[in-house]
Protein backbone atom coordinates (compact mmCIF):
# COMPACT_ATOMS: atom_id res chain seq x y z
CA MET A 1 4.73 4.94 14.72
CA THR A 2 8.45 4.27 14.32
CA LEU A 3 10.10 0.84 14.16
CA SER A 4 13.65 -0.36 13.75
CA SER A 5 15.05 -3.37 11.93
CA GLY A 6 18.46 -2.73 13.45
CA THR A 7 19.74 -1.09 10.27
CA HIS A 8 16.60 0.75 9.08
CA LYS A 9 14.24 3.20 10.76
CA ILE A 10 10.66 2.65 9.59
CA HIS A 11 7.95 5.28 10.00
CA ALA A 12 4.21 5.21 9.30
CA VAL A 13 3.28 8.13 7.03
CA LEU A 14 -0.45 8.81 6.95
CA ASP A 15 -2.31 10.21 3.95
CA GLY A 16 -5.71 10.49 5.58
CA THR A 17 -8.57 8.10 4.92
CA LEU A 18 -11.07 7.05 2.29
CA ARG A 19 -14.23 4.95 2.27
CA LEU A 20 -14.90 1.97 0.02
CA ASP A 21 -17.89 -0.34 -0.24
CA GLY A 22 -17.68 -2.98 2.48
CA GLY A 23 -18.99 -5.72 0.23
CA ALA A 24 -16.30 -4.98 -2.34
CA MET A 25 -13.62 -5.05 0.35
CA PHE A 26 -14.72 -8.47 1.63
CA GLY A 27 -16.03 -10.23 -1.47
CA VAL A 28 -18.08 -13.32 -0.64
CA VAL A 29 -17.81 -12.86 3.14
CA PRO A 30 -21.32 -12.15 4.50
CA LYS A 31 -21.93 -8.66 5.81
CA THR A 32 -23.11 -10.13 9.12
CA LEU A 33 -19.49 -11.23 9.66
CA TRP A 34 -17.37 -8.37 8.29
CA GLU A 35 -19.46 -5.60 9.83
CA LYS A 36 -18.35 -6.82 13.27
CA ASP A 37 -14.82 -5.82 12.33
CA MET A 38 -15.63 -2.71 10.33
CA PRO A 39 -19.09 -1.18 10.78
CA PRO A 40 -20.30 0.46 7.55
CA ASP A 41 -21.86 3.87 7.13
CA PRO A 42 -25.41 4.28 5.72
CA LYS A 43 -23.97 3.93 2.19
CA ASN A 44 -22.38 0.57 3.12
CA ARG A 45 -18.88 2.10 3.01
CA ILE A 46 -16.13 1.33 5.51
CA GLU A 47 -13.37 3.70 6.54
CA LEU A 48 -9.88 2.71 5.43
CA ALA A 49 -6.49 4.21 6.18
CA LEU A 50 -3.95 5.34 3.60
CA ARG A 51 -0.77 4.45 5.47
CA CYS A 52 2.50 4.79 3.58
CA MET A 53 5.91 3.75 4.91
CA LEU A 54 9.11 5.77 5.10
CA ILE A 55 12.38 3.84 5.39
CA GLU A 56 15.60 5.55 6.53
CA ALA A 57 18.83 3.70 5.82
CA GLN A 58 22.31 4.23 4.35
CA GLY A 59 21.61 7.89 3.70
CA ARG A 60 18.47 7.11 1.68
CA LEU A 61 14.88 8.09 2.36
CA VAL A 62 12.61 5.51 0.74
CA LEU A 63 8.86 6.15 0.61
CA VAL A 64 6.63 3.12 0.01
CA GLU A 65 3.38 4.29 -1.65
CA THR A 66 2.36 7.91 -2.08
CA GLY A 67 -1.25 7.83 -0.90
CA ILE A 68 -4.25 8.90 -2.91
CA GLY A 69 -3.21 12.47 -3.64
CA ASP A 70 -5.55 15.40 -4.13
CA LYS A 71 -6.18 15.53 -7.88
CA PHE A 72 -9.91 14.91 -7.75
CA ASP A 73 -13.05 16.93 -8.21
CA PRO A 74 -15.65 17.37 -5.44
CA LYS A 75 -17.94 14.63 -6.83
CA TRP A 76 -15.14 12.05 -6.92
CA LYS A 77 -13.96 13.08 -3.46
CA SER A 78 -17.51 12.69 -2.15
CA ILE A 79 -17.92 9.20 -3.61
CA TYR A 80 -14.86 7.94 -1.76
CA GLU A 81 -15.13 10.41 1.15
CA VAL A 82 -11.44 11.20 1.03
CA LYS A 83 -10.35 13.03 4.18
CA HIS A 84 -7.12 14.99 4.39
CA GLU A 85 -8.08 17.33 7.21
CA GLU A 86 -5.73 15.74 9.73
CA HIS A 87 -3.15 13.99 7.55
CA ASP A 88 -1.72 13.97 4.07
CA VAL A 89 1.59 12.55 2.85
CA LEU A 90 3.48 15.85 2.61
CA ARG A 91 2.37 17.10 6.03
CA SER A 92 3.09 13.70 7.58
CA LEU A 93 6.57 13.71 6.06
CA GLY A 94 7.04 17.27 7.25
CA ARG A 95 6.36 16.20 10.82
CA LEU A 96 9.33 13.85 10.41
CA GLY A 97 11.48 16.69 9.08
CA VAL A 98 11.35 15.36 5.50
CA SER A 99 10.61 17.54 2.47
CA ARG A 100 9.52 16.56 -1.05
CA GLU A 101 13.07 17.06 -2.29
CA ASP A 102 14.58 14.88 0.46
CA VAL A 103 12.94 11.64 -0.69
CA THR A 104 15.49 9.60 -2.69
CA ASP A 105 13.32 6.62 -3.72
CA VAL A 106 9.62 5.85 -4.05
CA ILE A 107 8.44 2.25 -4.25
CA LEU A 108 4.98 1.92 -5.78
CA THR A 109 3.51 -1.49 -5.00
CA HIS A 110 1.10 -1.01 -7.90
CA LEU A 111 -0.44 1.88 -9.77
CA HIS A 112 -4.04 1.85 -8.49
CA PHE A 113 -5.15 5.41 -7.79
CA ASP A 114 -5.38 5.00 -4.02
CA HIS A 115 -1.72 3.90 -3.85
CA ALA A 116 -0.07 6.01 -6.55
CA GLY A 117 -2.28 9.11 -6.68
CA GLY A 118 0.11 11.10 -4.54
CA ALA A 119 3.04 10.52 -6.91
CA THR A 120 2.14 13.59 -8.98
CA VAL A 121 0.72 17.02 -8.26
CA MET A 122 -0.66 19.88 -10.33
CA GLU A 123 1.63 22.92 -10.33
CA ASN A 124 1.25 25.97 -12.57
CA GLY A 125 -1.18 24.13 -14.81
CA ALA A 126 1.08 21.11 -15.34
CA MET A 127 1.15 17.66 -13.76
CA VAL A 128 4.58 17.12 -12.20
CA PRO A 129 6.24 14.59 -9.88
CA THR A 130 5.57 15.21 -6.22
CA PHE A 131 9.03 13.88 -5.35
CA PRO A 132 11.18 15.26 -8.18
CA ARG A 133 14.53 13.90 -7.01
CA ALA A 134 13.31 10.37 -6.25
CA THR A 135 13.72 7.27 -8.37
CA HIS A 136 10.28 5.64 -8.59
CA TRP A 137 10.19 1.83 -8.71
CA VAL A 138 7.34 -0.30 -10.07
CA GLN A 139 7.08 -3.79 -11.54
CA ARG A 140 7.21 -3.68 -15.35
CA GLU A 141 4.15 -5.94 -15.54
CA ASN A 142 2.05 -3.54 -13.51
CA LEU A 143 3.13 -0.54 -15.54
CA GLU A 144 2.18 -2.39 -18.72
CA ARG A 145 -1.25 -3.21 -17.27
CA ALA A 146 -1.73 0.41 -16.16
CA ARG A 147 -1.04 1.55 -19.71
CA ALA A 148 -3.38 -1.04 -21.24
CA PRO A 149 -5.96 -1.94 -18.57
CA ILE A 150 -8.81 -4.35 -19.11
CA GLU A 151 -12.43 -3.39 -18.62
CA HIS A 152 -12.49 -4.76 -15.08
CA ASP A 153 -9.68 -2.57 -13.75
CA ARG A 154 -9.67 0.43 -16.09
CA ALA A 155 -11.10 2.74 -13.44
CA SER A 156 -8.25 1.92 -11.07
CA TYR A 157 -5.47 3.30 -13.26
CA HIS A 158 -5.13 7.02 -13.98
CA GLU A 159 -2.29 7.91 -16.34
CA GLU A 160 -1.73 11.29 -14.69
CA ASN A 161 -0.40 9.38 -11.68
CA PHE A 162 2.49 7.74 -13.52
CA GLU A 163 3.13 9.12 -17.02
CA PRO A 164 4.58 12.41 -15.68
CA LEU A 165 7.13 10.28 -13.82
CA ALA A 166 8.08 8.53 -17.06
CA ARG A 167 8.37 11.83 -18.92
CA ALA A 168 10.62 13.17 -16.17
CA GLY A 169 12.88 10.12 -16.49
CA ILE A 170 12.45 9.04 -12.87
CA LEU A 171 10.25 5.96 -13.34
CA ARG A 172 12.20 2.69 -13.23
CA THR A 173 10.78 -0.78 -13.76
CA VAL A 174 11.67 -4.02 -11.96
CA GLU A 175 11.09 -7.54 -13.21
CA GLY A 176 10.55 -10.14 -10.50
CA GLU A 177 12.06 -10.24 -7.05
CA ARG A 178 14.92 -7.82 -6.50
CA MET A 179 16.85 -6.21 -3.67
CA LEU A 180 16.59 -2.53 -4.55
CA LEU A 181 18.78 -1.35 -1.69
CA PRO A 182 20.59 -3.21 1.10
CA GLY A 183 17.90 -4.94 3.17
CA ILE A 184 14.99 -3.68 1.01
CA THR A 185 13.52 -6.28 -1.36
CA VAL A 186 10.49 -6.16 -3.65
CA SER A 187 8.66 -9.37 -4.57
CA PRO A 188 5.80 -9.63 -7.07
CA VAL A 189 2.42 -11.14 -6.21
CA HIS A 190 -0.31 -11.34 -8.80
CA GLY A 191 -3.69 -12.12 -7.23
CA HIS A 192 -4.89 -8.57 -6.63
CA ALA A 193 -3.32 -6.98 -9.70
CA PRO A 194 -0.74 -8.18 -12.24
CA GLY A 195 2.72 -7.24 -11.05
CA MET A 196 1.79 -5.90 -7.64
CA GLN A 197 4.82 -6.06 -5.33
CA ILE A 198 5.22 -6.44 -1.60
CA VAL A 199 8.19 -4.77 0.11
CA THR A 200 10.32 -6.51 2.74
CA VAL A 201 12.73 -4.68 5.04
CA GLU A 202 15.21 -6.96 6.76
CA GLY A 203 17.75 -6.15 9.43
CA PRO A 204 19.61 -7.91 12.25
CA GLN A 205 16.85 -7.20 14.79
CA ALA A 206 13.61 -7.52 12.83
CA SER A 207 11.95 -7.91 9.45
CA VAL A 208 8.94 -5.90 8.33
CA VAL A 209 6.79 -6.52 5.26
CA PHE A 210 4.60 -3.92 3.58
CA CYS A 211 1.62 -6.12 2.68
CA THR A 212 -0.07 -3.64 0.32
CA ASP A 213 -3.38 -5.07 -1.04
CA LEU A 214 -2.43 -8.72 -0.52
CA VAL A 215 -3.41 -8.27 3.15
CA PRO A 216 -4.86 -4.76 3.19
CA THR A 217 -6.26 -4.91 6.76
CA THR A 218 -5.98 -7.10 9.82
CA SER A 219 -9.32 -8.67 8.89
CA HIS A 220 -7.79 -10.00 5.67
CA VAL A 221 -5.31 -12.15 7.58
CA ARG A 222 -8.10 -14.73 7.43
CA ILE A 223 -7.40 -16.80 4.32
CA PRO A 224 -11.03 -16.83 3.00
CA TRP A 225 -11.49 -13.07 3.54
CA ASN A 226 -10.53 -11.38 0.29
CA MET A 227 -11.54 -8.45 -1.86
CA ALA A 228 -13.88 -8.49 -4.81
CA PHE A 229 -11.27 -6.22 -6.41
CA ASP A 230 -8.81 -9.15 -6.66
CA LEU A 231 -8.50 -10.09 -10.32
CA ASN A 232 -7.28 -13.63 -9.58
CA LEU A 233 -8.83 -14.80 -6.33
CA SER A 234 -7.26 -18.26 -6.46
CA ALA A 235 -3.81 -16.69 -6.75
CA THR A 236 -4.53 -14.37 -3.81
CA ILE A 237 -5.50 -17.31 -1.62
CA GLU A 238 -2.40 -19.32 -2.52
CA GLU A 239 -0.13 -16.29 -2.08
CA LYS A 240 -1.59 -15.57 1.34
CA LYS A 241 -1.20 -19.17 2.48
CA ARG A 242 2.42 -19.32 1.37
CA LEU A 243 3.52 -15.93 2.61
CA LEU A 244 1.62 -15.90 5.90
CA ALA A 245 3.23 -19.26 6.73
CA ARG A 246 6.65 -17.81 5.97
CA TRP A 247 6.02 -14.62 7.95
CA THR A 248 4.73 -16.62 10.90
CA ASP A 249 7.81 -18.84 10.95
CA GLN A 250 10.16 -15.86 10.63
CA GLY A 251 8.37 -13.63 13.15
CA THR A 252 7.91 -10.94 10.50
CA LEU A 253 5.92 -7.82 11.37
CA LEU A 254 3.15 -7.12 8.87
CA PHE A 255 2.61 -3.45 7.98
CA PHE A 256 -0.96 -2.66 6.85
CA TYR A 257 -1.75 0.04 4.30
CA HIS A 258 -5.53 0.18 4.75
CA ASP A 259 -6.28 -0.93 8.32
CA PRO A 260 -8.02 1.97 10.12
CA THR A 261 -6.81 0.96 13.60
CA PHE A 262 -3.62 -1.10 13.45
CA ALA A 263 -0.46 -0.14 11.63
CA GLY A 264 1.18 -3.51 12.18
CA ALA A 265 0.95 -6.97 13.74
CA ARG A 266 2.57 -10.36 13.77
CA VAL A 267 0.70 -13.55 13.00
CA ALA A 268 0.62 -16.97 14.60
CA ARG A 269 -0.99 -20.30 13.73
CA GLU A 270 -4.03 -21.72 15.48
CA GLY A 271 -4.72 -25.03 13.79
CA ASP A 272 -5.15 -24.26 10.10
CA LYS A 273 -5.84 -20.56 10.73
CA PHE A 274 -3.64 -17.49 11.08
CA VAL A 275 -4.37 -15.13 13.96
CA LEU A 276 -3.02 -11.76 15.01
CA ARG A 277 -0.38 -11.16 17.67
CA ASP A 278 1.45 -8.05 18.91
CA GLN A 279 -0.83 -5.52 17.22
CA ILE A 280 0.53 -1.99 16.94
CA ARG A 281 -1.94 0.87 16.85
CA MET A 282 -1.51 3.93 14.67
């Protein structure tokens, strides 16, 4: 999938799939409802995409997220049923004619392992940056949480995914909303994880927002449908209300990291609800 904002080319970059518990992905929503959208396997897991975004503009190649990576043992891979047979980030970039060394910037929305795991790779017995020439951007608040997680989210942060970037001098922190490059803005949201950031690409023809785990799938466009992983559910709900209203009014295209079927969609209002329009398949 390739889109254009008028000044940016935007590509979907697939890193395969994983499976997570359906109940965890939908929190208090009854299984009888969410299984209509995403049927679970016998272990109650649903299949989720790992869909990164590549932005081309002004001579820069900006990768949003790095996928889950491949630094896991067979047991861990089995638990999450990670599949890289058809796609991984480097092969997907290669199909676009982009190498590891070509990427100039990496925006990490947050440092959970399924979003930042592909930022480093094991080579010759050492953990090194996957994209050695890229400046990596993350909110300072999220980096601080990753370095000192609480009990509830400790399993989500793996230091091998981000400390090698810091040691290499290519990890940069952002505080609050900021335009990193012309037309590319990061904005913090805090419901899912402290200092998570969404990424907005704006041009004369269109605007696209990388929703990350604020709206991980099309099913989560529904305001009450949220993840048990969200550390501050009330904040998630308020952030979704505010931002979905804005994106509806502006005609913004939502780009989904985890949806297994749709890479993007716009939203519209029906009464007090938000509904999908103009869905784009992978």
